[in-house]
Amino acid sequence: MANESAPAVVRKTATALAGSAASAGHPSTAKSTVSTTAAPATARVIFSTDRETLEGEVRIDTYRASGPGGQHVNKTNSAIRITHEASGVVVIAQDSSSQFRNKETAFERLIEKLKKRNHVPKKRLATKPTRASKERRIEGKKTRAVVKSNRSKKVVDD
């Protein structure tokens, strides 16, 4: 039995398309070996939702907001795009004409998304069906069987 906590190593052979000394003839004759390490399926990364920590982990981009607002919107870089590098979560805020308010809104949205990602659902416990539910299921099967058997019966009129 293999150790489930150890990462699995997958070895693949890929055709080397780049020219090398070994592949002087045909490009498909040269082979290279690529090793990849797969992370265990049970590993979950918990992301920090603390504002001070997040400010160091994100990339903040500013750009011109789109939509209504006239000339002022077209001249100011008030929209904010925050990219959380570790998780790949991207949030934008261009609701306000103030870059500061958009930054606050974007951080609130980012924290909300990371909290959803961090949520670990409880493991479901298998429960035994009650006797009444078994009886209802069996009764339903019986009525459906009668309906289906009536479909196949042909009525002969003389």
C-alpha atoms as a PDB file:
ATOM      1  CA  MET A   1       0.000   0.000   0.000  1.00  0.00           C
ATOM      2  CA  ALA A   2       1.426   3.367  -1.012  1.00  0.00           C
ATOM      3  CA  ASN A   3       1.865   6.193   1.436  1.00  0.00           C
ATOM      4  CA  GLU A   4      -1.017   8.584   0.669  1.00  0.00           C
ATOM      5  CA  SER A   5       0.580  11.612   2.309  1.00  0.00           C
ATOM      6  CA  ALA A   6       3.629  11.519   0.018  1.00  0.00           C
ATOM      7  CA  PRO A   7       3.281  13.432  -3.256  1.00  0.00           C
ATOM      8  CA  ALA A   8       2.893  11.329  -6.368  1.00  0.00           C
ATOM      9  CA  VAL A   9       5.602  11.641  -8.995  1.00  0.00           C
ATOM     10  CA  VAL A  10       4.518  11.295 -12.604  1.00  0.00           C
ATOM     11  CA  ARG A  11       7.102  10.661 -15.309  1.00  0.00           C
ATOM     12  CA  LYS A  12       6.215  11.404 -18.919  1.00  0.00           C
ATOM     13  CA  THR A  13       8.183  11.059 -22.114  1.00  0.00           C
ATOM     14  CA  ALA A  14       7.748  13.956 -24.501  1.00  0.00           C
ATOM     15  CA  THR A  15       8.985  14.378 -28.033  1.00  0.00           C
ATOM     16  CA  ALA A  16      11.719  16.973 -28.202  1.00  0.00           C
ATOM     17  CA  LEU A  17      10.994  19.303 -31.077  1.00  0.00           C
ATOM     18  CA  ALA A  18      14.005  21.548 -30.570  1.00  0.00           C
ATOM     19  CA  GLY A  19      17.061  20.764 -32.626  1.00  0.00           C
ATOM     20  CA  SER A  20      19.885  19.071 -30.714  1.00  0.00           C
ATOM     21  CA  ALA A  21      22.918  16.928 -31.458  1.00  0.00           C
ATOM     22  CA  ALA A  22      20.933  13.745 -30.784  1.00  0.00           C
ATOM     23  CA  SER A  23      18.206  14.707 -33.256  1.00  0.00           C
ATOM     24  CA  ALA A  24      20.342  15.314 -36.285  1.00  0.00           C
ATOM     25  CA  GLY A  25      18.053  13.201 -38.490  1.00  0.00           C
ATOM     26  CA  HIS A  26      14.360  13.398 -37.750  1.00  0.00           C
ATOM     27  CA  PRO A  27      12.908  15.598 -34.931  1.00  0.00           C
ATOM     28  CA  SER A  28      10.704  12.781 -33.610  1.00  0.00           C
ATOM     29  CA  THR A  29      13.693  10.515 -32.877  1.00  0.00           C
ATOM     30  CA  ALA A  30      14.880  12.617 -29.911  1.00  0.00           C
ATOM     31  CA  LYS A  31      13.119  12.003 -26.592  1.00  0.00           C
ATOM     32  CA  SER A  32      13.238  13.924 -23.347  1.00  0.00           C
ATOM     33  CA  THR A  33      11.919  12.950 -19.914  1.00  0.00           C
ATOM     34  CA  VAL A  34       9.803  15.412 -17.924  1.00  0.00           C
ATOM     35  CA  SER A  35       9.104  14.891 -14.212  1.00  0.00           C
ATOM     36  CA  THR A  36       6.176  16.557 -12.489  1.00  0.00           C
ATOM     37  CA  THR A  37       5.158  16.368  -8.852  1.00  0.00           C
ATOM     38  CA  ALA A  38       1.449  16.305  -8.052  1.00  0.00           C
ATOM     39  CA  ALA A  39       0.234  17.823  -4.787  1.00  0.00           C
ATOM     40  CA  PRO A  40      -1.809  15.591  -2.481  1.00  0.00           C
ATOM     41  CA  ALA A  41      -5.551  15.887  -3.046  1.00  0.00           C
ATOM     42  CA  THR A  42      -6.217  16.540   0.642  1.00  0.00           C
ATOM     43  CA  ALA A  43      -3.964  19.622   0.874  1.00  0.00           C
ATOM     44  CA  ARG A  44      -5.909  22.875   1.276  1.00  0.00           C
ATOM     45  CA  VAL A  45      -4.332  26.281   1.391  1.00  0.00           C
ATOM     46  CA  ILE A  46      -5.843  28.737   3.856  1.00  0.00           C
ATOM     47  CA  PHE A  47      -5.432  32.329   2.700  1.00  0.00           C
ATOM     48  CA  SER A  48      -5.033  35.207   5.122  1.00  0.00           C
ATOM     49  CA  THR A  49      -7.955  37.651   5.298  1.00  0.00           C
ATOM     50  CA  ASP A  50      -6.127  40.223   7.407  1.00  0.00           C
ATOM     51  CA  ARG A  51      -5.979  43.604   5.642  1.00  0.00           C
ATOM     52  CA  GLU A  52      -2.356  44.380   6.547  1.00  0.00           C
ATOM     53  CA  THR A  53      -1.180  40.948   5.345  1.00  0.00           C
ATOM     54  CA  LEU A  54      -3.223  41.189   2.157  1.00  0.00           C
ATOM     55  CA  GLU A  55      -1.700  44.547   1.206  1.00  0.00           C
ATOM     56  CA  GLY A  56       1.681  42.829   0.923  1.00  0.00           C
ATOM     57  CA  GLU A  57       0.363  39.845  -1.029  1.00  0.00           C
ATOM     58  CA  VAL A  58      -1.590  41.637  -3.761  1.00  0.00           C
ATOM     59  CA  ARG A  59      -0.874  43.529  -6.959  1.00  0.00           C
ATOM     60  CA  ILE A  60      -2.912  46.715  -7.326  1.00  0.00           C
ATOM     61  CA  ASP A  61      -3.578  48.141 -10.790  1.00  0.00           C
ATOM     62  CA  THR A  62      -5.290  51.440 -11.499  1.00  0.00           C
ATOM     63  CA  TYR A  63      -7.005  52.247 -14.757  1.00  0.00           C
ATOM     64  CA  ARG A  64      -9.657  54.530 -16.176  1.00  0.00           C
ATOM     65  CA  ALA A  65     -13.182  53.505 -15.249  1.00  0.00           C
ATOM     66  CA  SER A  66     -15.743  52.916 -17.960  1.00  0.00           C
ATOM     67  CA  GLY A  67     -19.393  53.883 -18.023  1.00  0.00           C
ATOM     68  CA  PRO A  68     -21.240  57.139 -17.415  1.00  0.00           C
ATOM     69  CA  GLY A  69     -19.587  60.165 -15.885  1.00  0.00           C
ATOM     70  CA  GLY A  70     -18.541  62.321 -18.790  1.00  0.00           C
ATOM     71  CA  GLN A  71     -15.170  63.905 -19.303  1.00  0.00           C
ATOM     72  CA  HIS A  72     -14.027  63.553 -15.678  1.00  0.00           C
ATOM     73  CA  VAL A  73     -14.238  59.729 -15.809  1.00  0.00           C
ATOM     74  CA  ASN A  74     -12.213  59.716 -18.993  1.00  0.00           C
ATOM     75  CA  LYS A  75      -9.367  61.730 -17.402  1.00  0.00           C
ATOM     76  CA  THR A  76      -8.865  60.066 -13.981  1.00  0.00           C
ATOM     77  CA  ASN A  77      -7.473  56.633 -13.113  1.00  0.00           C
ATOM     78  CA  SER A  78      -9.969  55.858 -10.371  1.00  0.00           C
ATOM     79  CA  ALA A  79     -10.807  52.192 -11.075  1.00  0.00           C
ATOM     80  CA  ILE A  80      -8.914  49.578  -9.064  1.00  0.00           C
ATOM     81  CA  ARG A  81      -8.047  45.984  -9.952  1.00  0.00           C
ATOM     82  CA  ILE A  82      -6.603  43.880  -7.136  1.00  0.00           C
ATOM     83  CA  THR A  83      -4.972  40.540  -7.973  1.00  0.00           C
ATOM     84  CA  HIS A  84      -4.225  38.141  -5.113  1.00  0.00           C
ATOM     85  CA  GLU A  85      -1.148  36.365  -6.458  1.00  0.00           C
ATOM     86  CA  ALA A  86      -1.321  33.296  -4.188  1.00  0.00           C
ATOM     87  CA  SER A  87      -4.923  32.343  -5.013  1.00  0.00           C
ATOM     88  CA  GLY A  88      -5.369  33.967  -8.408  1.00  0.00           C
ATOM     89  CA  VAL A  89      -8.486  35.869  -7.245  1.00  0.00           C
ATOM     90  CA  VAL A  90      -9.074  39.123  -9.124  1.00  0.00           C
ATOM     91  CA  VAL A  91     -11.522  41.813  -7.951  1.00  0.00           C
ATOM     92  CA  ILE A  92     -12.316  45.192  -9.473  1.00  0.00           C
ATOM     93  CA  ALA A  93     -14.021  48.292  -8.169  1.00  0.00           C
ATOM     94  CA  GLN A  94     -15.041  51.263 -10.295  1.00  0.00           C
ATOM     95  CA  ASP A  95     -18.193  52.261  -8.429  1.00  0.00           C
ATOM     96  CA  SER A  96     -16.984  55.596  -7.112  1.00  0.00           C
ATOM     97  CA  SER A  97     -15.116  58.497  -8.676  1.00  0.00           C
ATOM     98  CA  SER A  98     -12.667  58.312  -5.757  1.00  0.00           C
ATOM     99  CA  GLN A  99      -9.717  55.959  -6.093  1.00  0.00           C
ATOM    100  CA  PHE A 100      -9.466  55.664  -2.290  1.00  0.00           C
ATOM    101  CA  ARG A 101     -13.114  54.540  -1.930  1.00  0.00           C
ATOM    102  CA  ASN A 102     -12.695  52.089  -4.830  1.00  0.00           C
ATOM    103  CA  LYS A 103      -9.612  50.641  -3.135  1.00  0.00           C
ATOM    104  CA  GLU A 104     -11.556  50.107   0.112  1.00  0.00           C
ATOM    105  CA  THR A 105     -14.424  48.483  -1.807  1.00  0.00           C
ATOM    106  CA  ALA A 106     -12.047  46.225  -3.723  1.00  0.00           C
ATOM    107  CA  PHE A 107     -10.324  45.058  -0.533  1.00  0.00           C
ATOM    108  CA  GLU A 108     -13.724  44.294   1.042  1.00  0.00           C
ATOM    109  CA  ARG A 109     -14.670  42.220  -2.008  1.00  0.00           C
ATOM    110  CA  LEU A 110     -11.319  40.420  -1.955  1.00  0.00           C
ATOM    111  CA  ILE A 111     -11.657  39.535   1.733  1.00  0.00           C
ATOM    112  CA  GLU A 112     -15.187  38.245   1.095  1.00  0.00           C
ATOM    113  CA  LYS A 113     -14.003  36.031  -1.790  1.00  0.00           C
ATOM    114  CA  LEU A 114     -11.062  34.676   0.210  1.00  0.00           C
ATOM    115  CA  LYS A 115     -13.357  33.848   3.154  1.00  0.00           C
ATOM    116  CA  LYS A 116     -15.561  31.862   0.763  1.00  0.00           C
ATOM    117  CA  ARG A 117     -12.494  30.040  -0.523  1.00  0.00           C
ATOM    118  CA  ASN A 118     -11.251  29.305   2.999  1.00  0.00           C
ATOM    119  CA  HIS A 119     -14.583  27.793   4.048  1.00  0.00           C
ATOM    120  CA  VAL A 120     -14.270  24.065   4.656  1.00  0.00           C
ATOM    121  CA  PRO A 121     -17.670  22.347   4.614  1.00  0.00           C
ATOM    122  CA  LYS A 122     -18.440  19.857   7.345  1.00  0.00           C
ATOM    123  CA  LYS A 123     -17.991  16.244   6.382  1.00  0.00           C
ATOM    124  CA  ARG A 124     -21.368  14.641   5.825  1.00  0.00           C
ATOM    125  CA  LEU A 125     -22.212  11.679   7.967  1.00  0.00           C
ATOM    126  CA  ALA A 126     -24.164   8.898   6.336  1.00  0.00           C
ATOM    127  CA  THR A 127     -27.509   8.457   8.073  1.00  0.00           C
ATOM    128  CA  LYS A 128     -29.804   5.465   8.077  1.00  0.00           C
ATOM    129  CA  PRO A 129     -33.140   6.079   6.312  1.00  0.00           C
ATOM    130  CA  THR A 130     -36.155   5.908   8.608  1.00  0.00           C
ATOM    131  CA  ARG A 131     -38.668   3.089   8.345  1.00  0.00           C
ATOM    132  CA  ALA A 132     -41.377   5.508   7.210  1.00  0.00           C
ATOM    133  CA  SER A 133     -39.190   6.824   4.371  1.00  0.00           C
ATOM    134  CA  LYS A 134     -38.444   3.254   3.242  1.00  0.00           C
ATOM    135  CA  GLU A 135     -42.172   2.464   3.256  1.00  0.00           C
ATOM    136  CA  ARG A 136     -42.961   5.615   1.235  1.00  0.00           C
ATOM    137  CA  ARG A 137     -40.283   4.707  -1.310  1.00  0.00           C
ATOM    138  CA  ILE A 138     -41.576   1.141  -1.671  1.00  0.00           C
ATOM    139  CA  GLU A 139     -45.183   2.381  -1.971  1.00  0.00           C
ATOM    140  CA  GLY A 140     -44.142   4.821  -4.698  1.00  0.00           C
ATOM    141  CA  LYS A 141     -42.355   2.042  -6.576  1.00  0.00           C
ATOM    142  CA  LYS A 142     -45.476  -0.135  -6.395  1.00  0.00           C
ATOM    143  CA  THR A 143     -47.737   2.603  -7.804  1.00  0.00           C
ATOM    144  CA  ARG A 144     -45.276   3.337 -10.628  1.00  0.00           C
ATOM    145  CA  ALA A 145     -45.068  -0.378 -11.426  1.00  0.00           C
ATOM    146  CA  VAL A 146     -48.876  -0.588 -11.717  1.00  0.00           C
ATOM    147  CA  VAL A 147     -48.951   2.415 -14.054  1.00  0.00           C
ATOM    148  CA  LYS A 148     -46.220   0.926 -16.233  1.00  0.00           C
ATOM    149  CA  SER A 149     -47.834  -2.496 -16.364  1.00  0.00           C
ATOM    150  CA  ASN A 150     -51.126  -0.891 -17.450  1.00  0.00           C
ATOM    151  CA  ARG A 151     -49.351   0.714 -20.385  1.00  0.00           C
ATOM    152  CA  SER A 152     -48.463  -2.622 -21.933  1.00  0.00           C
ATOM    153  CA  LYS A 153     -51.970  -4.138 -21.632  1.00  0.00           C
ATOM    154  CA  LYS A 154     -53.907  -3.889 -24.892  1.00  0.00           C
ATOM    155  CA  VAL A 155     -57.662  -3.472 -24.910  1.00  0.00           C
ATOM    156  CA  VAL A 156     -59.395  -5.578 -27.604  1.00  0.00           C
ATOM    157  CA  ASP A 157     -62.811  -4.344 -28.803  1.00  0.00           C
ATOM    158  CA  ASP A 158     -65.056  -6.621 -30.909  1.00  0.00           C
END
